Amino acid sequence: MSPWPGSGNEAAARIEPARLDGFDGGPRFGVWWLPASHEPRGTVLCVQPLGEERTAARHALAAQGWRLSAGGWAVLMVDLYGTGDSPGEPAGITLQRWRGDLLRAAMLARQRHAGPNVLWGVRGGALLAADIAVALDQLVDAYVFWQPSGDERIPPEPGGEGGSLPSTLLDELHELRMQPPALADHGGVPAALFVEMREAGEGVPAGASALICDLTEAWLEAGYLALPQRVNAAPFWQPCGAAGGGSAAPHAAALPTAAFAATEEFLESVR
């Protein structure tokens, strides 16, 4: 499947910008990617990266959203308080407010269709997704984590959207870990996919890193159907010029198609 519609695929999916109500401090801006001609098979809530990484990753995340919706999923991406096109200033962001935003967004996603619910977290968004999963209390059927941070620290200045994040928020983010929520004694066993993206090259070891293996093992021990997946992809979340100055324009040509394919294959097994 092409990353973007083309060659007759335009009718497979549609995009729906949304003003989402019921949030603390006013509405949030969101985007739905939806199957064009039939009811979704389930919903996917995307938790975006933080700061400049969110801006750089948007093109790739939109391409994956389109592909998933063409495959039958309803995909929701929400700009949290103080980010993107939602109200608020970075100085007013708190972890509790972001948690509230994500819990509300998860409720809206569940209301869209009664099928399986998937949490898809990217980079720092993977930490947030795992953090709110405890409060969702068995309402998630599968998790997809792209390039999760694990125990690595959030960069000290992930700003870029009107200012740096508050130091109190950064301290709270630094304390987050990719801990699996406790499983209930009833219901199905959720699956979890950990996708690691690295560019192939001389001296680059094969297979998943120790971080991804450790995360997978921890989730397996907690009872999840956890799977690590190493794919060849450029770091699409890094702003252009990040290594030597420059703008934060997205890597428009560096779509992680191998990650798209791994995610779509994994979600085929989610019922």
Protein backbone atom coordinates (compact mmCIF):
# COMPACT_ATOMS: atom_id res chain seq x y z
CA MET A 1 0.00 0.00 0.00
CA SER A 2 1.30 3.46 -0.87
CA PRO A 3 1.94 5.78 2.11
CA TRP A 4 -0.49 8.27 0.58
CA PRO A 5 -3.61 7.82 -1.52
CA GLY A 6 -3.04 7.45 -5.20
CA SER A 7 -3.70 5.24 -8.19
CA GLY A 8 -7.36 4.93 -7.34
CA ASN A 9 -6.93 4.68 -3.55
CA GLU A 10 -8.33 8.14 -2.82
CA ALA A 11 -11.76 6.75 -1.94
CA ALA A 12 -10.46 4.23 0.63
CA ALA A 13 -10.19 6.74 3.48
CA ARG A 14 -11.14 10.26 4.46
CA ILE A 15 -9.81 12.86 6.85
CA GLU A 16 -12.03 14.74 9.28
CA PRO A 17 -10.68 17.72 11.28
CA ALA A 18 -12.51 17.96 14.59
CA ARG A 19 -13.20 20.41 17.40
CA LEU A 20 -13.30 18.11 20.40
CA ASP A 21 -15.28 19.23 23.45
CA GLY A 22 -15.36 18.15 27.07
CA PHE A 23 -11.75 19.01 27.90
CA ASP A 24 -10.47 21.08 30.78
CA GLY A 25 -9.72 24.61 29.59
CA GLY A 26 -11.69 24.47 26.35
CA PRO A 27 -11.89 22.34 23.21
CA ARG A 28 -8.96 20.53 21.64
CA PHE A 29 -8.09 20.27 17.98
CA GLY A 30 -8.05 16.76 16.60
CA VAL A 31 -7.94 14.90 13.32
CA TRP A 32 -9.80 11.70 12.48
CA TRP A 33 -8.72 9.40 9.68
CA LEU A 34 -11.72 7.23 8.82
CA PRO A 35 -12.67 4.48 6.36
CA ALA A 36 -14.56 6.15 3.56
CA SER A 37 -17.32 3.66 2.85
CA HIS A 38 -17.90 1.45 5.89
CA GLU A 39 -17.88 1.40 9.68
CA PRO A 40 -14.45 1.11 11.33
CA ARG A 41 -13.27 -2.24 12.65
CA GLY A 42 -11.90 -0.45 15.73
CA THR A 43 -10.13 2.71 16.86
CA VAL A 44 -6.53 3.80 17.23
CA LEU A 45 -5.58 6.76 19.46
CA CYS A 46 -2.22 8.27 18.50
CA VAL A 47 -0.20 9.88 21.30
CA GLN A 48 2.28 12.15 19.56
CA PRO A 49 5.91 12.90 20.42
CA LEU A 50 6.79 15.95 22.50
CA GLY A 51 7.97 19.42 21.47
CA GLU A 52 9.82 19.81 18.20
CA GLU A 53 9.66 16.06 17.64
CA ARG A 54 5.88 16.35 17.38
CA THR A 55 6.20 18.86 14.56
CA ALA A 56 8.86 16.85 12.73
CA ALA A 57 6.93 13.58 13.05
CA ARG A 58 3.55 14.90 11.93
CA HIS A 59 4.00 14.02 8.26
CA ALA A 60 4.90 10.40 8.99
CA LEU A 61 2.12 10.01 11.56
CA ALA A 62 -0.44 11.42 9.13
CA ALA A 63 0.72 8.94 6.48
CA GLN A 64 0.31 6.05 8.90
CA GLY A 65 -3.08 7.36 9.96
CA TRP A 66 -4.22 7.39 6.35
CA ARG A 67 -2.97 3.86 5.73
CA LEU A 68 -4.64 2.50 8.87
CA SER A 69 -7.95 4.13 7.99
CA ALA A 70 -7.75 2.73 4.47
CA GLY A 71 -7.32 -0.63 6.18
CA GLY A 72 -10.49 -0.17 8.21
CA TRP A 73 -9.41 1.62 11.41
CA ALA A 74 -10.63 4.92 12.82
CA VAL A 75 -7.52 6.85 13.87
CA LEU A 76 -7.66 9.86 16.20
CA MET A 77 -4.79 12.28 16.74
CA VAL A 78 -5.31 15.06 19.30
CA ASP A 79 -3.19 18.14 19.96
CA LEU A 80 -2.86 18.21 23.74
CA TYR A 81 -3.24 21.39 25.78
CA GLY A 82 -0.57 23.93 24.83
CA THR A 83 0.49 22.09 21.66
CA GLY A 84 -0.34 22.34 17.97
CA ASP A 85 -3.68 24.00 17.24
CA SER A 86 -5.18 23.45 20.69
CA PRO A 87 -5.50 26.28 23.22
CA GLY A 88 -3.02 26.99 25.96
CA GLU A 89 0.58 28.09 26.37
CA PRO A 90 3.50 25.77 27.16
CA ALA A 91 3.94 27.49 30.52
CA GLY A 92 0.48 26.28 31.57
CA ILE A 93 1.05 22.60 30.73
CA THR A 94 0.98 20.07 33.55
CA LEU A 95 1.26 16.31 33.41
CA GLN A 96 -2.12 16.02 35.12
CA ARG A 97 -3.73 18.17 32.41
CA TRP A 98 -2.18 16.06 29.66
CA ARG A 99 -3.38 12.92 31.41
CA GLY A 100 -6.87 14.36 31.48
CA ASP A 101 -6.65 15.22 27.78
CA LEU A 102 -5.60 11.70 26.86
CA LEU A 103 -8.25 10.03 29.00
CA ARG A 104 -10.92 12.21 27.39
CA ALA A 105 -9.50 11.46 23.94
CA ALA A 106 -9.54 7.74 24.72
CA MET A 107 -13.21 8.02 25.68
CA LEU A 108 -14.01 9.79 22.41
CA ALA A 109 -12.17 7.09 20.49
CA ARG A 110 -14.11 4.33 22.24
CA GLN A 111 -17.36 6.11 21.48
CA ARG A 112 -16.57 6.14 17.76
CA HIS A 113 -16.86 2.37 17.43
CA ALA A 114 -17.40 -0.68 19.64
CA GLY A 115 -14.50 -2.64 18.12
CA PRO A 116 -11.04 -3.09 19.63
CA ASN A 117 -9.21 -0.08 21.05
CA VAL A 118 -5.53 0.53 20.31
CA LEU A 119 -3.11 2.98 21.95
CA TRP A 120 -0.30 4.07 19.62
CA GLY A 121 2.44 6.06 21.33
CA VAL A 122 5.43 7.59 19.55
CA ARG A 123 8.69 8.57 21.27
CA GLY A 124 7.77 10.59 24.39
CA GLY A 125 4.15 9.87 23.55
CA ALA A 126 4.83 6.20 24.28
CA LEU A 127 5.64 7.15 27.87
CA LEU A 128 2.37 9.08 28.13
CA ALA A 129 0.40 6.22 26.57
CA ALA A 130 1.80 3.68 29.04
CA ASP A 131 1.17 6.13 31.88
CA ILE A 132 -2.55 6.57 31.18
CA ALA A 133 -3.08 2.89 30.40
CA VAL A 134 -3.43 2.18 34.13
CA ALA A 135 -6.37 4.58 34.41
CA LEU A 136 -8.05 3.12 31.31
CA ASP A 137 -8.55 -0.10 33.31
CA GLN A 138 -8.52 -2.91 30.74
CA LEU A 139 -10.15 -0.84 28.00
CA VAL A 140 -7.16 -1.17 25.66
CA ASP A 141 -6.90 -4.25 23.45
CA ALA A 142 -3.47 -3.55 21.97
CA TYR A 143 -0.53 -1.18 22.27
CA VAL A 144 1.85 0.03 19.58
CA PHE A 145 4.97 1.84 20.76
CA TRP A 146 7.22 3.49 18.19
CA GLN A 147 10.78 4.20 19.34
CA PRO A 148 9.80 4.26 23.03
CA SER A 149 12.03 6.10 25.48
CA GLY A 150 11.93 3.48 28.23
CA ASP A 151 14.16 4.63 31.08
CA GLU A 152 15.96 7.16 28.91
CA ARG A 153 15.40 10.73 29.97
CA ILE A 154 13.32 13.18 28.01
CA PRO A 155 15.61 15.82 26.43
CA PRO A 156 15.94 18.76 28.84
CA GLU A 157 14.53 21.33 26.42
CA PRO A 158 11.85 19.72 24.23
CA GLY A 159 10.26 23.04 23.36
CA GLY A 160 9.59 24.53 19.95
CA GLU A 161 5.86 25.32 20.19
CA GLY A 162 5.85 28.76 21.69
CA GLY A 163 8.43 28.05 24.38
CA SER A 164 10.08 25.35 26.42
CA LEU A 165 8.06 23.05 28.61
CA PRO A 166 7.85 23.98 32.31
CA SER A 167 10.60 22.54 34.48
CA THR A 168 8.03 20.98 36.80
CA LEU A 169 6.52 19.10 33.84
CA LEU A 170 9.95 17.94 32.70
CA ASP A 171 10.67 16.61 36.19
CA GLU A 172 7.42 14.64 36.10
CA LEU A 173 8.12 13.31 32.60
CA HIS A 174 11.56 12.17 33.72
CA GLU A 175 9.91 9.99 36.35
CA LEU A 176 7.68 8.14 33.87
CA ARG A 177 8.62 4.60 32.91
CA MET A 178 7.23 2.16 30.39
CA GLN A 179 5.64 0.01 33.09
CA PRO A 180 2.94 -2.44 31.93
CA PRO A 181 -0.44 -1.96 33.65
CA ALA A 182 -1.63 -4.85 35.78
CA LEU A 183 -3.88 -7.25 33.91
CA ALA A 184 -7.34 -8.16 35.11
CA ASP A 185 -8.31 -11.75 35.85
CA HIS A 186 -10.94 -11.64 33.11
CA GLY A 187 -11.08 -10.67 29.47
CA GLY A 188 -8.59 -11.13 26.67
CA VAL A 189 -4.85 -10.63 26.94
CA PRO A 190 -3.73 -7.36 25.29
CA ALA A 191 -0.90 -7.42 22.76
CA ALA A 192 1.97 -4.93 22.63
CA LEU A 193 4.29 -4.13 19.74
CA PHE A 194 7.60 -2.34 20.34
CA VAL A 195 8.93 -0.91 17.08
CA GLU A 196 12.53 0.22 16.99
CA MET A 197 13.76 2.21 14.00
CA ARG A 198 17.41 2.37 13.03
CA GLU A 199 19.12 3.03 9.74
CA ALA A 200 21.12 0.10 8.44
CA GLY A 201 24.80 0.66 7.94
CA GLU A 202 28.27 -0.57 8.69
CA GLY A 203 28.76 -1.13 12.40
CA VAL A 204 25.04 -1.05 13.20
CA PRO A 205 24.17 -4.21 15.15
CA ALA A 206 21.38 -6.45 13.92
CA GLY A 207 18.31 -7.12 16.00
CA ALA A 208 16.54 -5.08 18.64
CA SER A 209 18.50 -3.05 21.18
CA ALA A 210 18.86 -3.99 24.84
CA LEU A 211 16.27 -1.31 25.71
CA ILE A 212 13.60 -2.80 23.43
CA CYS A 213 14.41 -6.34 24.55
CA ASP A 214 14.14 -5.30 28.21
CA LEU A 215 10.81 -3.57 27.63
CA THR A 216 9.45 -6.56 25.73
CA GLU A 217 10.56 -8.95 28.46
CA ALA A 218 8.97 -6.78 31.17
CA TRP A 219 5.63 -6.72 29.35
CA LEU A 220 5.82 -10.45 28.65
CA GLU A 221 6.44 -11.14 32.34
CA ALA A 222 3.40 -9.01 33.16
CA GLY A 223 1.26 -11.29 30.97
CA TYR A 224 1.08 -9.31 27.73
CA LEU A 225 1.55 -10.73 24.25
CA ALA A 226 4.59 -8.53 23.65
CA LEU A 227 6.65 -8.47 20.47
CA PRO A 228 9.81 -6.52 19.54
CA GLN A 229 10.27 -5.40 15.93
CA ARG A 230 13.42 -3.81 14.54
CA VAL A 231 12.93 -2.01 11.21
CA ASN A 232 15.15 -0.02 8.91
CA ALA A 233 13.98 3.61 9.01
CA ALA A 234 15.43 7.09 9.33
CA PRO A 235 14.69 9.09 12.52
CA PHE A 236 11.70 10.93 11.10
CA TRP A 237 11.02 12.55 14.49
CA GLN A 238 14.25 14.54 14.43
CA PRO A 239 13.85 18.13 13.21
CA CYS A 240 15.81 18.97 10.08
CA GLY A 241 19.09 20.57 11.05
CA ALA A 242 18.86 19.18 14.59
CA ALA A 243 22.49 18.16 14.52
CA GLY A 244 23.75 21.52 13.31
CA GLY A 245 21.07 24.16 13.53
CA GLY A 246 18.31 24.89 11.09
CA SER A 247 14.57 24.77 11.03
CA ALA A 248 12.22 22.18 12.49
CA ALA A 249 10.72 21.18 9.15
CA PRO A 250 9.60 17.57 8.90
CA HIS A 251 11.48 14.85 7.04
CA ALA A 252 8.95 14.90 4.22
CA ALA A 253 10.75 12.24 2.16
CA ALA A 254 11.80 9.93 5.01
CA LEU A 255 8.59 8.05 5.69
CA PRO A 256 9.15 4.92 7.83
CA THR A 257 7.41 2.52 5.47
CA ALA A 258 8.87 -0.53 7.23
CA ALA A 259 7.31 0.65 10.49
CA PHE A 260 4.00 1.17 8.67
CA ALA A 261 4.08 -2.42 7.42
CA ALA A 262 5.04 -3.86 10.83
CA THR A 263 2.24 -1.94 12.55
CA GLU A 264 -0.39 -2.92 10.02
CA GLU A 265 0.61 -6.60 10.15
CA PHE A 266 0.45 -6.53 13.95
CA LEU A 267 -2.99 -4.91 14.01
CA GLU A 268 -4.35 -7.54 11.63
CA SER A 269 -4.25 -9.94 14.57
CA VAL A 270 -6.20 -7.61 16.89
CA ARG A 271 -9.84 -8.55 17.12
